[in-house]
């Protein structure tokens, strides 16, 4: 299955029974309903940390299936020596860097969109939109995440090319939230940003870039994001129309499933080319690709793009 790494991850559904079981305050109660798997935040964290965890949208699900959500980890096994697992210390440091990057992405997105989020039912109770955190506190939290990200890079002893790649991905993710204001293809820009992460993992392991392998991997990630985030964008298409935001969901309209099918074929084809160029001859790689193809086909055929709940469950 190819789940999404959408920067606005939250559940579109709520229930009065869920709300009645929370005794934390109106904004936080509403936020729990809007965030699908955030219950651990309310059970485990001190009161003063809860708004920051909600701002970063730190989900246990994302951590438990982290390699799906962190494409930087897709390139690390490819870069390992044949027959050997990746270096565990390097893997742990890159995972820490990627986790800091993902929380940075979510925080930047909420910081830039805080005025828009106030007008959208699904997001108006997020900490910056609701006023639980001030913009200054949001900026301080962004600085903290950047320190974690850079600290992992220092421990990895990155070379100049790696630092350049890391700086570019930070810039891409900073620019991304503004794209919905100027183009109907913000999902494509998100695909470029997430695809860029595949270069980071390989460079950290190899100290160089093999574009014969990385270009198809980059492209497959790009198309995967277009599938996932276009489906996800259907959650907000009515609100997007109200606030003037743009998305591929609005651009494609009734032709969305045709576009999703094309993106899925391109995604699987690029993954296959990546494996071929990396000289992966074993059948398990291509068996998993076949399974992924079936998953994507099922997802596109069965998803009800007019149902926010179904779109959320299919991404």
C-alpha atoms as a PDB file:
ATOM      1  CA  UNK A   1       0.000   0.000   0.000  1.00  0.00           C
ATOM      2  CA  UNK A   2       1.194   3.511  -0.749  1.00  0.00           C
ATOM      3  CA  UNK A   3      -0.159   5.778   2.013  1.00  0.00           C
ATOM      4  CA  UNK A   4       0.177   9.516   1.749  1.00  0.00           C
ATOM      5  CA  UNK A   5       2.646  11.892   3.296  1.00  0.00           C
ATOM      6  CA  UNK A   6       0.295  14.791   3.063  1.00  0.00           C
ATOM      7  CA  UNK A   7       1.300  17.839   5.025  1.00  0.00           C
ATOM      8  CA  UNK A   8      -2.265  18.470   6.210  1.00  0.00           C
ATOM      9  CA  UNK A   9      -2.885  15.065   7.759  1.00  0.00           C
ATOM     10  CA  UNK A  10      -6.050  14.953   9.801  1.00  0.00           C
ATOM     11  CA  UNK A  11      -9.213  12.936   9.934  1.00  0.00           C
ATOM     12  CA  UNK A  12     -12.301  14.411   8.302  1.00  0.00           C
ATOM     13  CA  UNK A  13     -14.728  12.658  10.585  1.00  0.00           C
ATOM     14  CA  UNK A  14     -15.825  13.168  14.128  1.00  0.00           C
ATOM     15  CA  UNK A  15     -18.347  11.824  16.612  1.00  0.00           C
ATOM     16  CA  UNK A  16     -20.105  13.231  19.598  1.00  0.00           C
ATOM     17  CA  UNK A  17     -19.173  10.170  21.647  1.00  0.00           C
ATOM     18  CA  UNK A  18     -15.486  10.860  21.035  1.00  0.00           C
ATOM     19  CA  UNK A  19     -15.890  14.476  22.084  1.00  0.00           C
ATOM     20  CA  UNK A  20     -17.729  13.491  25.263  1.00  0.00           C
ATOM     21  CA  UNK A  21     -14.807  11.310  26.326  1.00  0.00           C
ATOM     22  CA  UNK A  22     -12.322  14.195  26.298  1.00  0.00           C
ATOM     23  CA  UNK A  23     -12.039  16.566  29.223  1.00  0.00           C
ATOM     24  CA  UNK A  24      -9.287  18.938  28.112  1.00  0.00           C
ATOM     25  CA  UNK A  25     -10.860  22.170  26.864  1.00  0.00           C
ATOM     26  CA  UNK A  26     -12.825  23.190  23.829  1.00  0.00           C
ATOM     27  CA  UNK A  27     -10.022  23.782  21.328  1.00  0.00           C
ATOM     28  CA  UNK A  28      -8.057  20.711  22.314  1.00  0.00           C
ATOM     29  CA  UNK A  29     -11.197  18.566  22.359  1.00  0.00           C
ATOM     30  CA  UNK A  30     -12.109  19.674  18.856  1.00  0.00           C
ATOM     31  CA  UNK A  31      -8.540  19.161  17.701  1.00  0.00           C
ATOM     32  CA  UNK A  32      -8.569  15.558  18.897  1.00  0.00           C
ATOM     33  CA  UNK A  33     -11.647  14.905  16.829  1.00  0.00           C
ATOM     34  CA  UNK A  34     -10.063  16.467  13.764  1.00  0.00           C
ATOM     35  CA  UNK A  35      -6.777  14.573  14.141  1.00  0.00           C
ATOM     36  CA  UNK A  36      -7.342  10.895  13.484  1.00  0.00           C
ATOM     37  CA  UNK A  37      -4.617   9.164  15.510  1.00  0.00           C
ATOM     38  CA  UNK A  38      -3.537  11.828  17.975  1.00  0.00           C
ATOM     39  CA  UNK A  39      -5.036  10.245  21.116  1.00  0.00           C
ATOM     40  CA  UNK A  40      -1.605   9.326  22.501  1.00  0.00           C
ATOM     41  CA  UNK A  41      -0.801  13.046  22.650  1.00  0.00           C
ATOM     42  CA  UNK A  42      -3.603  13.584  25.143  1.00  0.00           C
ATOM     43  CA  UNK A  43      -2.710  10.540  27.208  1.00  0.00           C
ATOM     44  CA  UNK A  44       1.076  10.844  27.382  1.00  0.00           C
ATOM     45  CA  UNK A  45       2.261  14.437  27.049  1.00  0.00           C
ATOM     46  CA  UNK A  46       2.320  17.281  29.590  1.00  0.00           C
ATOM     47  CA  UNK A  47      -0.278  19.991  28.982  1.00  0.00           C
ATOM     48  CA  UNK A  48       2.237  22.587  27.767  1.00  0.00           C
ATOM     49  CA  UNK A  49       3.627  20.236  25.089  1.00  0.00           C
ATOM     50  CA  UNK A  50       0.312  19.123  23.611  1.00  0.00           C
ATOM     51  CA  UNK A  51      -0.174  22.142  21.282  1.00  0.00           C
ATOM     52  CA  UNK A  52       3.337  21.665  19.866  1.00  0.00           C
ATOM     53  CA  UNK A  53       2.761  17.959  19.230  1.00  0.00           C
ATOM     54  CA  UNK A  54      -0.522  18.803  17.506  1.00  0.00           C
ATOM     55  CA  UNK A  55       1.210  21.508  15.484  1.00  0.00           C
ATOM     56  CA  UNK A  56       3.821  19.017  14.288  1.00  0.00           C
ATOM     57  CA  UNK A  57       1.122  16.346  13.894  1.00  0.00           C
ATOM     58  CA  UNK A  58       3.386  13.690  15.346  1.00  0.00           C
ATOM     59  CA  UNK A  59       1.420  10.509  14.733  1.00  0.00           C
ATOM     60  CA  UNK A  60       2.326   7.099  16.100  1.00  0.00           C
ATOM     61  CA  UNK A  61       1.072   5.533  12.876  1.00  0.00           C
ATOM     62  CA  UNK A  62       3.596   7.517  10.863  1.00  0.00           C
ATOM     63  CA  UNK A  63       6.399   6.429  13.182  1.00  0.00           C
ATOM     64  CA  UNK A  64       5.410   2.748  13.177  1.00  0.00           C
ATOM     65  CA  UNK A  65       5.315   2.543   9.377  1.00  0.00           C
ATOM     66  CA  UNK A  66       7.986   5.162   8.909  1.00  0.00           C
ATOM     67  CA  UNK A  67       9.588   3.813   5.749  1.00  0.00           C
ATOM     68  CA  UNK A  68       6.314   4.369   3.890  1.00  0.00           C
ATOM     69  CA  UNK A  69       6.113   7.948   5.130  1.00  0.00           C
ATOM     70  CA  UNK A  70       9.807   8.772   4.763  1.00  0.00           C
ATOM     71  CA  UNK A  71      10.960   8.349   1.127  1.00  0.00           C
ATOM     72  CA  UNK A  72      14.492   9.237   2.196  1.00  0.00           C
ATOM     73  CA  UNK A  73      14.588   5.673   3.547  1.00  0.00           C
ATOM     74  CA  UNK A  74      13.627   4.199   0.187  1.00  0.00           C
ATOM     75  CA  UNK A  75      17.033   5.011  -1.285  1.00  0.00           C
ATOM     76  CA  UNK A  76      19.109   3.814   1.679  1.00  0.00           C
ATOM     77  CA  UNK A  77      18.609   0.047   1.082  1.00  0.00           C
ATOM     78  CA  UNK A  78      19.370   0.613  -2.607  1.00  0.00           C
ATOM     79  CA  UNK A  79      22.639   2.327  -1.653  1.00  0.00           C
ATOM     80  CA  UNK A  80      23.745  -0.465   0.716  1.00  0.00           C
ATOM     81  CA  UNK A  81      26.353  -2.944  -0.492  1.00  0.00           C
ATOM     82  CA  UNK A  82      24.800  -6.035  -2.137  1.00  0.00           C
ATOM     83  CA  UNK A  83      23.930  -8.655   0.445  1.00  0.00           C
ATOM     84  CA  UNK A  84      24.346  -6.257   3.368  1.00  0.00           C
ATOM     85  CA  UNK A  85      21.915  -4.286   5.497  1.00  0.00           C
ATOM     86  CA  UNK A  86      22.360  -0.507   5.798  1.00  0.00           C
ATOM     87  CA  UNK A  87      24.555   0.720   8.648  1.00  0.00           C
ATOM     88  CA  UNK A  88      22.222   0.881  11.656  1.00  0.00           C
ATOM     89  CA  UNK A  89      23.835   3.979  13.185  1.00  0.00           C
ATOM     90  CA  UNK A  90      23.557   5.856   9.902  1.00  0.00           C
ATOM     91  CA  UNK A  91      19.981   4.630   9.479  1.00  0.00           C
ATOM     92  CA  UNK A  92      19.035   5.849  12.961  1.00  0.00           C
ATOM     93  CA  UNK A  93      20.561   9.294  12.380  1.00  0.00           C
ATOM     94  CA  UNK A  94      18.858   9.693   9.013  1.00  0.00           C
ATOM     95  CA  UNK A  95      15.543   8.631  10.541  1.00  0.00           C
ATOM     96  CA  UNK A  96      15.976  11.286  13.253  1.00  0.00           C
ATOM     97  CA  UNK A  97      16.763  13.890  10.593  1.00  0.00           C
ATOM     98  CA  UNK A  98      13.774  12.844   8.530  1.00  0.00           C
ATOM     99  CA  UNK A  99      11.451  12.937  11.519  1.00  0.00           C
ATOM    100  CA  UNK A 100      12.616  16.483  12.310  1.00  0.00           C
ATOM    101  CA  UNK A 101      12.096  17.376   8.648  1.00  0.00           C
ATOM    102  CA  UNK A 102       8.541  16.044   8.631  1.00  0.00           C
ATOM    103  CA  UNK A 103       7.561  17.967  11.767  1.00  0.00           C
ATOM    104  CA  UNK A 104       9.174  21.065  10.203  1.00  0.00           C
ATOM    105  CA  UNK A 105       7.040  20.544   7.077  1.00  0.00           C
ATOM    106  CA  UNK A 106       3.800  20.327   9.051  1.00  0.00           C
ATOM    107  CA  UNK A 107       4.679  23.328  11.214  1.00  0.00           C
ATOM    108  CA  UNK A 108       5.696  25.491   8.230  1.00  0.00           C
ATOM    109  CA  UNK A 109       2.467  24.519   6.491  1.00  0.00           C
ATOM    110  CA  UNK A 110       0.334  25.531   9.477  1.00  0.00           C
ATOM    111  CA  UNK A 111       2.339  28.717  10.028  1.00  0.00           C
ATOM    112  CA  UNK A 112       1.888  29.917   6.449  1.00  0.00           C
ATOM    113  CA  UNK A 113      -1.754  28.796   6.256  1.00  0.00           C
ATOM    114  CA  UNK A 114      -2.882  29.915   9.715  1.00  0.00           C
ATOM    115  CA  UNK A 115      -5.267  32.558   8.321  1.00  0.00           C
ATOM    116  CA  UNK A 116      -6.711  30.136   5.757  1.00  0.00           C
ATOM    117  CA  UNK A 117      -7.043  27.385   8.383  1.00  0.00           C
ATOM    118  CA  UNK A 118      -9.277  29.661  10.471  1.00  0.00           C
ATOM    119  CA  UNK A 119     -11.864  29.519   7.683  1.00  0.00           C
ATOM    120  CA  UNK A 120     -11.806  25.726   7.262  1.00  0.00           C
ATOM    121  CA  UNK A 121     -13.803  23.528   9.633  1.00  0.00           C
ATOM    122  CA  UNK A 122     -11.285  20.673   9.501  1.00  0.00           C
ATOM    123  CA  UNK A 123      -8.303  22.823  10.448  1.00  0.00           C
ATOM    124  CA  UNK A 124      -9.616  25.819  12.379  1.00  0.00           C
ATOM    125  CA  UNK A 125      -8.785  24.235  15.749  1.00  0.00           C
ATOM    126  CA  UNK A 126      -5.118  23.645  14.951  1.00  0.00           C
ATOM    127  CA  UNK A 127      -2.890  25.439  17.485  1.00  0.00           C
ATOM    128  CA  UNK A 128      -1.809  28.393  15.305  1.00  0.00           C
ATOM    129  CA  UNK A 129      -5.205  28.904  13.701  1.00  0.00           C
ATOM    130  CA  UNK A 130      -7.063  28.728  17.016  1.00  0.00           C
ATOM    131  CA  UNK A 131      -4.595  30.932  18.897  1.00  0.00           C
ATOM    132  CA  UNK A 132      -3.414  28.239  21.311  1.00  0.00           C
ATOM    133  CA  UNK A 133       0.073  29.071  20.047  1.00  0.00           C
ATOM    134  CA  UNK A 134       1.222  32.478  18.840  1.00  0.00           C
ATOM    135  CA  UNK A 135       3.051  32.953  15.527  1.00  0.00           C
ATOM    136  CA  UNK A 136       6.221  33.705  17.525  1.00  0.00           C
ATOM    137  CA  UNK A 137       5.913  30.393  19.354  1.00  0.00           C
ATOM    138  CA  UNK A 138       5.426  28.704  15.994  1.00  0.00           C
ATOM    139  CA  UNK A 139       8.602  30.299  14.646  1.00  0.00           C
ATOM    140  CA  UNK A 140      10.540  29.221  17.738  1.00  0.00           C
ATOM    141  CA  UNK A 141       9.304  25.670  17.239  1.00  0.00           C
ATOM    142  CA  UNK A 142      10.419  25.783  13.592  1.00  0.00           C
ATOM    143  CA  UNK A 143      13.874  26.901  14.765  1.00  0.00           C
ATOM    144  CA  UNK A 144      14.007  23.978  17.211  1.00  0.00           C
ATOM    145  CA  UNK A 145      13.156  21.514  14.425  1.00  0.00           C
ATOM    146  CA  UNK A 146      15.852  23.007  12.196  1.00  0.00           C
ATOM    147  CA  UNK A 147      18.397  22.563  14.989  1.00  0.00           C
ATOM    148  CA  UNK A 148      17.460  18.891  15.285  1.00  0.00           C
ATOM    149  CA  UNK A 149      17.701  18.457  11.525  1.00  0.00           C
ATOM    150  CA  UNK A 150      21.086  20.145  11.304  1.00  0.00           C
ATOM    151  CA  UNK A 151      22.337  18.333  14.402  1.00  0.00           C
ATOM    152  CA  UNK A 152      21.658  14.988  12.754  1.00  0.00           C
ATOM    153  CA  UNK A 153      23.537  16.221   9.690  1.00  0.00           C
ATOM    154  CA  UNK A 154      26.556  17.168  11.815  1.00  0.00           C
ATOM    155  CA  UNK A 155      26.573  13.718  13.434  1.00  0.00           C
ATOM    156  CA  UNK A 156      26.396  12.170   9.970  1.00  0.00           C
ATOM    157  CA  UNK A 157      29.486  14.210   8.984  1.00  0.00           C
ATOM    158  CA  UNK A 158      27.893  15.250   5.716  1.00  0.00           C
ATOM    159  CA  UNK A 159      30.005  16.607   2.863  1.00  0.00           C
ATOM    160  CA  UNK A 160      29.326  19.849   0.989  1.00  0.00           C
ATOM    161  CA  UNK A 161      27.092  18.196  -1.614  1.00  0.00           C
ATOM    162  CA  UNK A 162      24.965  16.596   1.113  1.00  0.00           C
ATOM    163  CA  UNK A 163      24.582  19.900   2.965  1.00  0.00           C
ATOM    164  CA  UNK A 164      23.532  21.534  -0.307  1.00  0.00           C
ATOM    165  CA  UNK A 165      20.918  18.855  -0.913  1.00  0.00           C
ATOM    166  CA  UNK A 166      19.614  19.229   2.649  1.00  0.00           C
ATOM    167  CA  UNK A 167      19.413  23.019   2.330  1.00  0.00           C
ATOM    168  CA  UNK A 168      17.473  22.698  -0.940  1.00  0.00           C
ATOM    169  CA  UNK A 169      14.888  20.346   0.568  1.00  0.00           C
ATOM    170  CA  UNK A 170      14.297  22.789   3.444  1.00  0.00           C
ATOM    171  CA  UNK A 171      13.751  25.577   0.913  1.00  0.00           C
ATOM    172  CA  UNK A 172      11.402  23.446  -1.214  1.00  0.00           C
ATOM    173  CA  UNK A 173       9.248  22.599   1.799  1.00  0.00           C
ATOM    174  CA  UNK A 174       9.179  26.250   2.851  1.00  0.00           C
ATOM    175  CA  UNK A 175       7.944  27.309  -0.588  1.00  0.00           C
ATOM    176  CA  UNK A 176       5.362  24.507  -0.893  1.00  0.00           C
ATOM    177  CA  UNK A 177       2.509  26.078   1.165  1.00  0.00           C
ATOM    178  CA  UNK A 178       2.537  29.153  -1.093  1.00  0.00           C
ATOM    179  CA  UNK A 179       1.997  27.061  -4.250  1.00  0.00           C
ATOM    180  CA  UNK A 180      -1.724  26.549  -3.616  1.00  0.00           C
ATOM    181  CA  UNK A 181      -2.114  30.326  -3.970  1.00  0.00           C
ATOM    182  CA  UNK A 182      -0.532  30.571  -7.422  1.00  0.00           C
ATOM    183  CA  UNK A 183      -0.977  27.232  -9.227  1.00  0.00           C
ATOM    184  CA  UNK A 184      -3.409  24.345  -9.527  1.00  0.00           C
ATOM    185  CA  UNK A 185      -0.404  22.000  -9.205  1.00  0.00           C
ATOM    186  CA  UNK A 186       0.714  22.338  -5.555  1.00  0.00           C
ATOM    187  CA  UNK A 187       0.651  18.531  -5.395  1.00  0.00           C
ATOM    188  CA  UNK A 188       3.329  18.454  -8.094  1.00  0.00           C
ATOM    189  CA  UNK A 189       5.514  20.814  -6.076  1.00  0.00           C
ATOM    190  CA  UNK A 190       5.008  18.581  -3.030  1.00  0.00           C
ATOM    191  CA  UNK A 191       6.052  15.644  -5.215  1.00  0.00           C
ATOM    192  CA  UNK A 192       9.258  17.466  -6.151  1.00  0.00           C
ATOM    193  CA  UNK A 193       9.958  18.176  -2.474  1.00  0.00           C
ATOM    194  CA  UNK A 194       9.357  14.623  -1.302  1.00  0.00           C
ATOM    195  CA  UNK A 195      11.148  13.166  -4.313  1.00  0.00           C
ATOM    196  CA  UNK A 196      14.185  15.259  -3.423  1.00  0.00           C
ATOM    197  CA  UNK A 197      14.451  13.325  -0.158  1.00  0.00           C
ATOM    198  CA  UNK A 198      15.404  10.171  -2.062  1.00  0.00           C
ATOM    199  CA  UNK A 199      18.634  11.924  -3.066  1.00  0.00           C
ATOM    200  CA  UNK A 200      19.488  12.662   0.569  1.00  0.00           C
ATOM    201  CA  UNK A 201      19.515   9.031   1.700  1.00  0.00           C
ATOM    202  CA  UNK A 202      21.669   7.801  -1.181  1.00  0.00           C
ATOM    203  CA  UNK A 203      24.141  10.667  -0.836  1.00  0.00           C
ATOM    204  CA  UNK A 204      24.486  10.075   2.910  1.00  0.00           C
ATOM    205  CA  UNK A 205      25.427   6.436   2.282  1.00  0.00           C
ATOM    206  CA  UNK A 206      27.476   6.677  -0.915  1.00  0.00           C
ATOM    207  CA  UNK A 207      28.858  10.222  -0.827  1.00  0.00           C
ATOM    208  CA  UNK A 208      27.867  10.572  -4.492  1.00  0.00           C
ATOM    209  CA  UNK A 209      24.787  10.369  -6.726  1.00  0.00           C
ATOM    210  CA  UNK A 210      24.018   7.650  -9.274  1.00  0.00           C
ATOM    211  CA  UNK A 211      21.374   9.333 -11.404  1.00  0.00           C
ATOM    212  CA  UNK A 212      20.629   6.184 -13.436  1.00  0.00           C
ATOM    213  CA  UNK A 213      19.093   4.787 -10.247  1.00  0.00           C
ATOM    214  CA  UNK A 214      18.010   7.977  -8.520  1.00  0.00           C
ATOM    215  CA  UNK A 215      16.195   9.675 -11.385  1.00  0.00           C
ATOM    216  CA  UNK A 216      13.665   6.821 -11.774  1.00  0.00           C
ATOM    217  CA  UNK A 217      13.323   6.655  -7.979  1.00  0.00           C
ATOM    218  CA  UNK A 218      12.785  10.418  -7.856  1.00  0.00           C
ATOM    219  CA  UNK A 219      10.179  10.181 -10.627  1.00  0.00           C
ATOM    220  CA  UNK A 220       8.345   7.272  -9.026  1.00  0.00           C
ATOM    221  CA  UNK A 221       8.134   9.188  -5.754  1.00  0.00           C
ATOM    222  CA  UNK A 222       6.880  12.254  -7.614  1.00  0.00           C
ATOM    223  CA  UNK A 223       4.050  10.311  -9.272  1.00  0.00           C
ATOM    224  CA  UNK A 224       3.224   8.465  -6.043  1.00  0.00           C
ATOM    225  CA  UNK A 225       2.718  11.820  -4.291  1.00  0.00           C
ATOM    226  CA  UNK A 226       0.501  13.023  -7.151  1.00  0.00           C
ATOM    227  CA  UNK A 227      -1.726   9.963  -6.675  1.00  0.00           C
ATOM    228  CA  UNK A 228      -1.870  10.196  -2.899  1.00  0.00           C
ATOM    229  CA  UNK A 229      -2.139  13.947  -2.467  1.00  0.00           C
ATOM    230  CA  UNK A 230      -4.609  14.463  -5.311  1.00  0.00           C
ATOM    231  CA  UNK A 231      -6.870  11.910  -3.630  1.00  0.00           C
ATOM    232  CA  UNK A 232      -6.300  13.655  -0.323  1.00  0.00           C
ATOM    233  CA  UNK A 233      -7.015  17.070  -1.838  1.00  0.00           C
ATOM    234  CA  UNK A 234     -10.600  15.974  -2.464  1.00  0.00           C
ATOM    235  CA  UNK A 235     -11.172  16.278   1.295  1.00  0.00           C
ATOM    236  CA  UNK A 236     -10.851  20.045   1.081  1.00  0.00           C
ATOM    237  CA  UNK A 237     -12.047  20.908  -2.412  1.00  0.00           C
ATOM    238  CA  UNK A 238     -15.200  22.682  -1.249  1.00  0.00           C
ATOM    239  CA  UNK A 239     -13.304  24.692   1.357  1.00  0.00           C
ATOM    240  CA  UNK A 240     -10.556  25.412  -1.195  1.00  0.00           C
ATOM    241  CA  UNK A 241     -13.139  26.985  -3.480  1.00  0.00           C
ATOM    242  CA  UNK A 242     -14.337  29.210  -0.637  1.00  0.00           C
ATOM    243  CA  UNK A 243     -10.884  30.455   0.367  1.00  0.00           C
ATOM    244  CA  UNK A 244      -9.429  30.633  -3.155  1.00  0.00           C
ATOM    245  CA  UNK A 245      -6.883  27.822  -2.760  1.00  0.00           C
ATOM    246  CA  UNK A 246      -5.960  25.715  -5.795  1.00  0.00           C
ATOM    247  CA  UNK A 247      -5.325  21.974  -6.151  1.00  0.00           C
ATOM    248  CA  UNK A 248      -5.184  19.175  -8.705  1.00  0.00           C
ATOM    249  CA  UNK A 249      -8.492  17.931  -7.271  1.00  0.00           C
ATOM    250  CA  UNK A 250     -10.150  21.119  -8.529  1.00  0.00           C
ATOM    251  CA  UNK A 251      -8.159  21.144 -11.779  1.00  0.00           C
ATOM    252  CA  UNK A 252      -8.974  17.570 -12.808  1.00  0.00           C
ATOM    253  CA  UNK A 253     -12.641  17.646 -11.791  1.00  0.00           C
ATOM    254  CA  UNK A 254     -14.571  14.663 -13.155  1.00  0.00           C
ATOM    255  CA  UNK A 255     -11.442  13.383 -14.953  1.00  0.00           C
ATOM    256  CA  UNK A 256      -9.534  12.854 -11.694  1.00  0.00           C
ATOM    257  CA  UNK A 257      -9.591   9.042 -11.835  1.00  0.00           C
ATOM    258  CA  UNK A 258      -8.113   9.049 -15.346  1.00  0.00           C
ATOM    259  CA  UNK A 259      -5.266  11.256 -14.152  1.00  0.00           C
ATOM    260  CA  UNK A 260      -4.745   9.074 -11.063  1.00  0.00           C
ATOM    261  CA  UNK A 261      -4.551   5.993 -13.272  1.00  0.00           C
ATOM    262  CA  UNK A 262      -1.902   7.602 -15.465  1.00  0.00           C
ATOM    263  CA  UNK A 263       0.131   8.736 -12.460  1.00  0.00           C
ATOM    264  CA  UNK A 264      -0.056   5.223 -10.961  1.00  0.00           C
ATOM    265  CA  UNK A 265       1.185   3.569 -14.142  1.00  0.00           C
ATOM    266  CA  UNK A 266       4.064   6.056 -14.309  1.00  0.00           C
ATOM    267  CA  UNK A 267       4.865   5.457 -10.634  1.00  0.00           C
ATOM    268  CA  UNK A 268       5.095   1.668 -10.968  1.00  0.00           C
ATOM    269  CA  UNK A 269       6.973   1.910 -14.260  1.00  0.00           C
ATOM    270  CA  UNK A 270       9.610   4.182 -12.732  1.00  0.00           C
ATOM    271  CA  UNK A 271       9.978   1.898  -9.719  1.00  0.00           C
ATOM    272  CA  UNK A 272      10.571  -1.023 -12.104  1.00  0.00           C
ATOM    273  CA  UNK A 273      13.157   0.977 -14.066  1.00  0.00           C
ATOM    274  CA  UNK A 274      14.891   1.931 -10.821  1.00  0.00           C
ATOM    275  CA  UNK A 275      15.168  -1.727  -9.812  1.00  0.00           C
ATOM    276  CA  UNK A 276      16.414  -2.693 -13.274  1.00  0.00           C
ATOM    277  CA  UNK A 277      19.110   0.004 -13.272  1.00  0.00           C
ATOM    278  CA  UNK A 278      20.132  -1.026  -9.748  1.00  0.00           C
ATOM    279  CA  UNK A 279      20.558  -4.606 -11.048  1.00  0.00           C
ATOM    280  CA  UNK A 280      17.942  -6.039  -8.723  1.00  0.00           C
ATOM    281  CA  UNK A 281      17.306  -9.432 -10.280  1.00  0.00           C
ATOM    282  CA  UNK A 282      15.410 -11.100  -7.435  1.00  0.00           C
ATOM    283  CA  UNK A 283      11.698 -11.802  -7.890  1.00  0.00           C
ATOM    284  CA  UNK A 284      10.599 -10.366  -4.480  1.00  0.00           C
ATOM    285  CA  UNK A 285      11.187  -6.780  -5.651  1.00  0.00           C
ATOM    286  CA  UNK A 286       8.945  -7.194  -8.665  1.00  0.00           C
ATOM    287  CA  UNK A 287       6.402  -9.250  -6.716  1.00  0.00           C
ATOM    288  CA  UNK A 288       6.022  -6.342  -4.298  1.00  0.00           C
ATOM    289  CA  UNK A 289       5.663  -3.983  -7.260  1.00  0.00           C
ATOM    290  CA  UNK A 290       2.888  -6.181  -8.617  1.00  0.00           C
ATOM    291  CA  UNK A 291       1.170  -6.081  -5.223  1.00  0.00           C
ATOM    292  CA  UNK A 292       1.547  -2.297  -5.122  1.00  0.00           C
ATOM    293  CA  UNK A 293       0.021  -2.091  -8.586  1.00  0.00           C
ATOM    294  CA  UNK A 294      -2.985  -4.061  -7.380  1.00  0.00           C
ATOM    295  CA  UNK A 295      -3.311  -1.834  -4.334  1.00  0.00           C
ATOM    296  CA  UNK A 296      -3.234   1.344  -6.408  1.00  0.00           C
ATOM    297  CA  UNK A 297      -5.733  -0.081  -8.887  1.00  0.00           C
ATOM    298  CA  UNK A 298      -8.114  -1.053  -6.080  1.00  0.00           C
ATOM    299  CA  UNK A 299      -7.707   2.367  -4.471  1.00  0.00           C
ATOM    300  CA  UNK A 300      -8.512   4.273  -7.657  1.00  0.00           C
ATOM    301  CA  UNK A 301     -11.442   2.073  -8.680  1.00  0.00           C
ATOM    302  CA  UNK A 302     -13.131   2.047  -5.272  1.00  0.00           C
ATOM    303  CA  UNK A 303     -12.463   5.553  -3.925  1.00  0.00           C
ATOM    304  CA  UNK A 304     -15.468   7.849  -3.797  1.00  0.00           C
ATOM    305  CA  UNK A 305     -13.978  11.243  -4.577  1.00  0.00           C
ATOM    306  CA  UNK A 306     -17.146  12.966  -3.412  1.00  0.00           C
ATOM    307  CA  UNK A 307     -16.780  11.464   0.076  1.00  0.00           C
ATOM    308  CA  UNK A 308     -14.123  13.097   2.296  1.00  0.00           C
ATOM    309  CA  UNK A 309     -14.218  10.123   4.683  1.00  0.00           C
ATOM    310  CA  UNK A 310     -13.569   7.631   1.872  1.00  0.00           C
ATOM    311  CA  UNK A 311     -10.791   9.771   0.369  1.00  0.00           C
ATOM    312  CA  UNK A 312      -9.135   9.911   3.778  1.00  0.00           C
ATOM    313  CA  UNK A 313      -9.385   6.145   4.290  1.00  0.00           C
ATOM    314  CA  UNK A 314      -7.889   5.457   0.840  1.00  0.00           C
ATOM    315  CA  UNK A 315      -4.749   7.551   1.346  1.00  0.00           C
END
